[in-house]
Amino acid sequence: MDRTLLRQSLEKYRTPFEEESAFAPEFIALTFEEDAFLRSKLSGHFTASAWVVNKRRTHTLLTLHRKLNRWLQLGGHADGEENLLEVAMKEAQEESGLTSLRFVGNGIFDIDKHIIPQKGDVPEHYHYDVRYLIEAELNEPLTLSNESMDLAWVPFDTVEDVVGYNPSILRMLEKTSRSEYVI
């Protein structure tokens, strides 16, 4: 997949959630910018995430992000790679040590534009996060990466208690319970 295929996927992407629909045009426009997949694009750039769930859809894998000190889905920067599904899979494997990861679905699972606070020399900027639904074995051992303070399979019914009010995570949780995402 390259930026042209990503653009086509974003153009076809439909969601019942207004917040996603509202910023979808910005994602499409970003695909035309040469440096859109590089973190050096300081106004904002593409990132990719994996919403990792177990096969029975009872748990999601979350990481306590070291820099942001928040429980989040696995993912990271594209660093020039235009195939964001590959980026999401690579990040999920690196951040969890899981080998049973498997892409589920027909394409993009979720999109989210969110602000990243200034850190050192890097100014506040946006992440245009493209997310994919990934399945993994719940009983496979986890390996904590240096990017995380903790890593845990969180039961769906306690996700909000763990993450607090995070609309994008709660949106992915809601999507996971819908029949079109249960495969």
Protein backbone atom coordinates (compact mmCIF):
# COMPACT_ATOMS: atom_id res chain seq x y z
CA MET A 1 0.00 0.00 0.00
CA ASP A 2 1.22 3.48 -0.79
CA ARG A 3 -0.25 6.93 -0.33
CA THR A 4 -2.48 6.54 -3.40
CA LEU A 5 -4.06 3.37 -1.98
CA LEU A 6 -4.30 5.01 1.44
CA ARG A 7 -6.06 8.01 -0.15
CA GLN A 8 -8.51 5.68 -1.93
CA SER A 9 -9.16 3.80 1.33
CA LEU A 10 -9.78 7.07 3.15
CA GLU A 11 -12.12 8.28 0.39
CA LYS A 12 -14.16 5.06 0.72
CA TYR A 13 -14.04 5.02 4.52
CA ARG A 14 -17.45 5.45 6.14
CA THR A 15 -18.24 5.84 9.80
CA PRO A 16 -21.38 6.53 11.81
CA PHE A 17 -19.32 8.71 14.18
CA GLU A 18 -19.50 12.44 13.42
CA GLU A 19 -16.05 13.25 14.82
CA GLU A 20 -14.39 10.85 12.37
CA SER A 21 -16.44 12.11 9.42
CA ALA A 22 -15.50 15.69 10.30
CA PHE A 23 -11.74 15.20 10.00
CA ALA A 24 -11.68 12.59 7.22
CA PRO A 25 -11.18 15.31 4.55
CA GLU A 26 -8.05 16.47 6.40
CA PHE A 27 -6.62 12.93 6.27
CA ILE A 28 -7.28 12.79 2.52
CA ALA A 29 -5.66 16.20 1.99
CA LEU A 30 -2.61 15.12 4.00
CA THR A 31 -1.95 12.24 1.58
CA PHE A 32 -1.04 14.86 -1.06
CA GLU A 33 1.74 16.34 1.10
CA GLU A 34 5.17 14.93 0.30
CA ASP A 35 6.36 14.74 3.93
CA ALA A 36 3.05 13.49 5.40
CA PHE A 37 4.62 10.24 6.64
CA LEU A 38 7.59 11.88 8.37
CA ARG A 39 7.65 13.08 11.97
CA SER A 40 9.74 16.04 10.75
CA LYS A 41 6.48 17.51 9.36
CA LEU A 42 5.99 19.51 12.52
CA SER A 43 2.43 20.70 11.88
CA GLY A 44 1.21 17.09 11.82
CA HIS A 45 1.87 13.73 10.23
CA PHE A 46 0.49 10.23 9.80
CA THR A 47 0.81 7.62 12.52
CA ALA A 48 -0.64 4.11 12.63
CA SER A 49 -2.21 2.15 15.46
CA ALA A 50 -3.37 -1.36 16.19
CA TRP A 51 -6.56 -1.90 18.16
CA VAL A 52 -5.53 -5.33 19.41
CA VAL A 53 -8.32 -7.59 20.66
CA ASN A 54 -8.62 -11.24 21.55
CA LYS A 55 -10.61 -13.59 19.31
CA ARG A 56 -13.61 -13.70 21.65
CA ARG A 57 -13.71 -9.87 21.75
CA THR A 58 -13.60 -9.64 25.54
CA HIS A 59 -10.22 -7.87 26.01
CA THR A 60 -8.06 -5.26 24.34
CA LEU A 61 -4.31 -4.86 24.70
CA LEU A 62 -3.30 -1.44 26.04
CA THR A 63 0.04 0.11 26.84
CA LEU A 64 0.87 2.68 29.50
CA HIS A 65 2.76 5.04 27.20
CA ARG A 66 6.04 6.17 28.74
CA LYS A 67 6.12 9.70 27.26
CA LEU A 68 2.41 10.50 27.58
CA ASN A 69 1.79 8.58 30.83
CA ARG A 70 -1.58 7.41 29.50
CA TRP A 71 -3.10 4.03 28.65
CA LEU A 72 -3.39 3.83 24.85
CA GLN A 73 -3.62 1.39 21.98
CA LEU A 74 -0.33 0.22 20.43
CA GLY A 75 1.08 2.22 17.54
CA GLY A 76 3.58 4.75 16.38
CA HIS A 77 5.15 6.92 13.71
CA ALA A 78 5.28 5.94 10.05
CA ASP A 79 8.85 7.30 9.68
CA GLY A 80 8.51 7.45 5.90
CA GLU A 81 6.64 4.14 5.45
CA GLU A 82 3.45 4.73 3.46
CA ASN A 83 1.91 1.32 4.20
CA LEU A 84 0.21 2.18 7.47
CA LEU A 85 -1.14 -1.34 8.01
CA GLU A 86 2.47 -2.57 7.99
CA VAL A 87 3.40 0.20 10.43
CA ALA A 88 0.54 -0.76 12.78
CA MET A 89 1.51 -4.45 12.69
CA LYS A 90 5.21 -3.67 13.21
CA GLU A 91 4.49 -1.35 16.13
CA ALA A 92 2.12 -3.87 17.73
CA GLN A 93 4.74 -6.62 17.50
CA GLU A 94 7.57 -4.40 18.77
CA GLU A 95 5.52 -3.00 21.66
CA SER A 96 4.05 -6.34 22.80
CA GLY A 97 6.33 -9.15 21.64
CA LEU A 98 3.26 -10.95 20.30
CA THR A 99 3.69 -13.22 17.28
CA SER A 100 0.03 -14.23 16.91
CA LEU A 101 -1.04 -10.83 15.52
CA ARG A 102 -3.51 -11.08 12.64
CA PHE A 103 -5.19 -8.28 10.65
CA VAL A 104 -8.98 -8.46 10.86
CA GLY A 105 -11.43 -6.75 8.57
CA ASN A 106 -11.53 -5.06 5.22
CA GLY A 107 -9.35 -2.04 5.79
CA ILE A 108 -9.23 0.97 8.06
CA PHE A 109 -10.95 0.41 11.42
CA ASP A 110 -10.82 3.95 12.80
CA ILE A 111 -9.19 7.35 12.22
CA ASP A 112 -8.37 9.96 14.80
CA LYS A 113 -6.72 13.37 14.74
CA HIS A 114 -5.30 14.34 18.10
CA ILE A 115 -2.86 16.86 19.50
CA ILE A 116 0.50 15.82 20.91
CA PRO A 117 1.92 18.21 23.51
CA GLN A 118 5.28 19.94 23.10
CA LYS A 119 8.19 17.82 24.32
CA GLY A 120 11.68 19.33 24.33
CA ASP A 121 12.49 20.77 20.90
CA VAL A 122 9.42 19.20 19.27
CA PRO A 123 6.52 21.64 19.20
CA GLU A 124 2.91 20.72 19.82
CA HIS A 125 1.59 18.98 16.69
CA TYR A 126 -1.12 16.69 15.35
CA HIS A 127 -1.08 12.97 14.81
CA TYR A 128 -3.31 11.78 12.01
CA ASP A 129 -3.73 8.26 13.30
CA VAL A 130 -5.00 5.49 11.01
CA ARG A 131 -6.07 2.46 13.03
CA TYR A 132 -6.48 -1.18 12.15
CA LEU A 133 -8.27 -4.01 13.94
CA ILE A 134 -5.75 -6.68 14.93
CA GLU A 135 -6.43 -9.97 16.69
CA ALA A 136 -4.01 -11.83 18.98
CA GLU A 137 -3.97 -14.75 21.38
CA LEU A 138 -4.87 -13.71 24.91
CA ASN A 139 -2.64 -16.36 26.51
CA GLU A 140 0.55 -15.53 24.58
CA PRO A 141 3.24 -14.01 26.84
CA LEU A 142 3.73 -10.24 26.57
CA THR A 143 7.08 -8.46 26.34
CA LEU A 144 7.29 -4.89 27.60
CA SER A 145 9.15 -2.50 25.29
CA ASN A 146 11.14 0.54 26.41
CA GLU A 147 8.31 2.75 25.06
CA SER A 148 5.93 1.48 27.74
CA MET A 149 5.70 1.57 31.50
CA ASP A 150 3.18 -1.27 31.47
CA LEU A 151 1.26 -3.49 29.09
CA ALA A 152 -1.98 -5.31 29.84
CA TRP A 153 -4.95 -7.14 28.40
CA VAL A 154 -7.86 -5.07 29.68
CA PRO A 155 -11.38 -6.54 29.87
CA PHE A 156 -13.80 -4.52 27.74
CA ASP A 157 -15.99 -3.75 30.74
CA THR A 158 -13.11 -2.03 32.55
CA VAL A 159 -11.52 -0.11 29.65
CA GLU A 160 -13.15 3.19 30.60
CA ASP A 161 -11.96 2.77 34.21
CA VAL A 162 -8.38 2.27 32.96
CA VAL A 163 -8.21 4.96 30.25
CA GLY A 164 -10.58 7.52 31.76
CA TYR A 165 -12.58 9.54 29.30
CA ASN A 166 -10.78 9.06 26.00
CA PRO A 167 -13.37 9.41 23.24
CA SER A 168 -11.29 7.75 20.54
CA ILE A 169 -10.60 4.64 22.62
CA LEU A 170 -14.23 4.47 23.72
CA ARG A 171 -15.26 4.80 20.06
CA MET A 172 -13.02 1.84 19.08
CA LEU A 173 -14.42 -0.13 22.00
CA GLU A 174 -17.97 0.58 20.80
CA LYS A 175 -17.05 -0.40 17.25
CA THR A 176 -15.59 -3.68 18.47
CA SER A 177 -18.94 -4.65 19.98
CA ARG A 178 -20.79 -4.06 16.71
CA SER A 179 -21.59 -7.10 14.60
CA GLU A 180 -19.78 -5.83 11.50
CA TYR A 181 -16.47 -6.02 13.39
CA VAL A 182 -17.03 -9.41 15.00
CA ILE A 183 -15.46 -11.86 12.58
